[in-house]
Structure formats: C-alpha cells, structure tokens
Protein backbone atom coordinates (compact mmCIF):
# COMPACT_ATOMS: atom_id res chain seq x y z
CA MET A 1 4.13 0.09 5.50
CA ASP A 2 1.17 0.37 2.67
CA THR A 3 3.47 2.61 0.57
CA ALA A 4 6.15 0.45 0.63
CA MET A 5 3.91 -2.34 0.34
CA ARG A 6 1.69 -0.59 -2.73
CA ASP A 7 5.00 -0.09 -4.15
CA MET A 8 6.70 -3.45 -4.07
CA LEU A 9 3.20 -4.82 -5.70
CA ALA A 10 3.36 -2.34 -8.97
CA ALA A 11 6.70 -3.27 -9.71
CA TYR A 12 6.32 -6.92 -9.18
CA ASP A 13 2.76 -6.53 -11.53
CA LYS A 14 5.16 -4.24 -14.27
CA VAL A 15 8.11 -6.95 -14.65
CA PHE A 16 5.56 -9.16 -14.71
CA LEU A 17 3.27 -8.10 -16.44
CA GLN A 18 3.31 -9.86 -19.97
CA GLN A 19 2.02 -13.84 -19.34
CA ASP A 20 6.04 -15.48 -20.42
CA PRO A 21 4.98 -19.21 -19.59
CA GLU A 22 8.68 -19.08 -19.59
CA LEU A 23 8.89 -16.61 -16.65
CA ARG A 24 5.35 -18.65 -14.81
CA GLN A 25 7.70 -20.26 -12.76
CA LEU A 26 10.23 -17.66 -11.61
CA ARG A 27 6.78 -14.89 -11.25
CA ARG A 28 5.56 -17.55 -8.75
CA TRP A 29 8.92 -17.70 -6.95
CA ALA A 30 9.30 -13.95 -6.53
CA TYR A 31 5.69 -13.45 -5.71
CA GLY A 32 5.94 -15.55 -2.97
CA ARG A 33 9.60 -14.24 -1.97
CA MET A 34 7.63 -10.83 -1.25
CA HIS A 35 4.89 -11.48 1.23
CA ALA A 36 7.46 -13.66 2.82
CA MET A 37 9.00 -10.43 3.17
CA LEU A 38 6.40 -8.56 4.02
CA THR A 39 4.79 -11.68 6.72
CA THR A 40 8.02 -10.44 8.44
CA SER A 41 7.58 -6.53 8.81
CA PHE A 42 4.10 -7.47 9.78
CA VAL A 43 5.09 -9.60 12.40
CA ARG A 44 7.00 -6.53 13.60
CA ALA A 45 4.41 -4.33 13.47
CA GLY A 46 1.84 -5.50 15.20
CA GLU A 47 -0.57 -6.41 12.52
CA TYR A 48 -1.35 -10.47 12.73
CA ARG A 49 -4.42 -10.68 11.10
CA ARG A 50 -2.10 -9.11 7.78
CA PHE A 51 0.49 -11.19 8.52
CA ALA A 52 -1.14 -14.27 8.14
CA GLY A 53 -3.06 -13.34 5.69
CA HIS A 54 1.06 -13.22 3.63
CA LEU A 55 1.79 -15.99 4.97
CA VAL A 56 -1.28 -17.26 3.46
CA ALA A 57 -0.55 -15.43 0.09
CA SER A 58 3.84 -17.12 0.04
CA VAL A 59 2.81 -20.71 1.56
CA ALA A 60 0.13 -21.07 -2.11
CA ALA A 61 3.06 -19.65 -4.27
CA ARG A 62 5.96 -21.35 -2.50
CA ARG A 63 4.84 -24.47 -0.07
CA GLY A 64 8.68 -25.15 0.60
CA GLN A 65 7.53 -21.16 2.96
CA VAL A 66 5.91 -23.80 5.15
CA ARG A 67 8.93 -25.20 6.28
CA CYS A 68 11.28 -21.88 6.61
CA PHE A 69 8.35 -20.05 8.69
CA ALA A 70 7.07 -23.49 11.04
CA GLY A 71 11.06 -23.75 11.70
CA TYR A 72 10.33 -19.65 12.92
CA PRO A 73 10.74 -19.97 16.74
CA VAL A 74 13.51 -22.52 17.08
CA ARG A 75 15.63 -19.96 14.86
CA ALA A 76 14.58 -17.53 17.63
CA LEU A 77 15.31 -19.58 19.92
CA ARG A 78 18.99 -21.01 19.26
CA ARG A 79 19.39 -16.82 18.20
CA CYS A 80 17.60 -15.54 22.20
CA LEU A 81 20.28 -18.33 24.10
CA ALA A 82 23.32 -17.28 21.74
CA GLY A 83 22.42 -13.96 23.41
CA SER A 84 21.63 -12.49 19.45
CA LYS A 85 18.77 -9.68 18.97
CA VAL A 86 15.55 -12.24 18.60
CA GLY A 87 13.85 -11.01 15.43
C-alpha cells in the first residue's frame, strides 16, 4: 500500500509540476480525489490514523468531500439492507 501511495503522489507531482494558474483548480480537485481514494484504502486496511490524515487532506482540497464522507454510513447501511457487500 505504501508503494502504491508513493507512486501515485510521484505521478501527481510530475503531472502538476508546473504551477500553471489555469490548472490550479484541477490540481486541487485531483489531489482531493486522490486523498479521498486513499482514505478508503486505509480504512479497509485498518490504518485509522493514516485514514484521518488523508481525510483531512481531501477535505482541505475539496470542501465538498465533507458531504460525501458524512453520507458514507447511510450508504453502507442501505447496501447492507439491500443484501449488497458493504465497503
């Protein structure tokens, strides 16, 4: 997991190497989504401290992520009640 995270960060850093003002919004969005994806990975791995760090980074980059994260328990419960796999 650490290797995948390190590789993703390196790839994003390479893609957004130039600080082009036109890409600033896309950069924030992309990093926010990447951190959101990493939160899921760390929860599933049981690494809650790392989950929390990426949760904060995701919300800092994309404030709209709060709504997504806050709604997760409801979505998981609905999937459980519908007989789908939770997670």
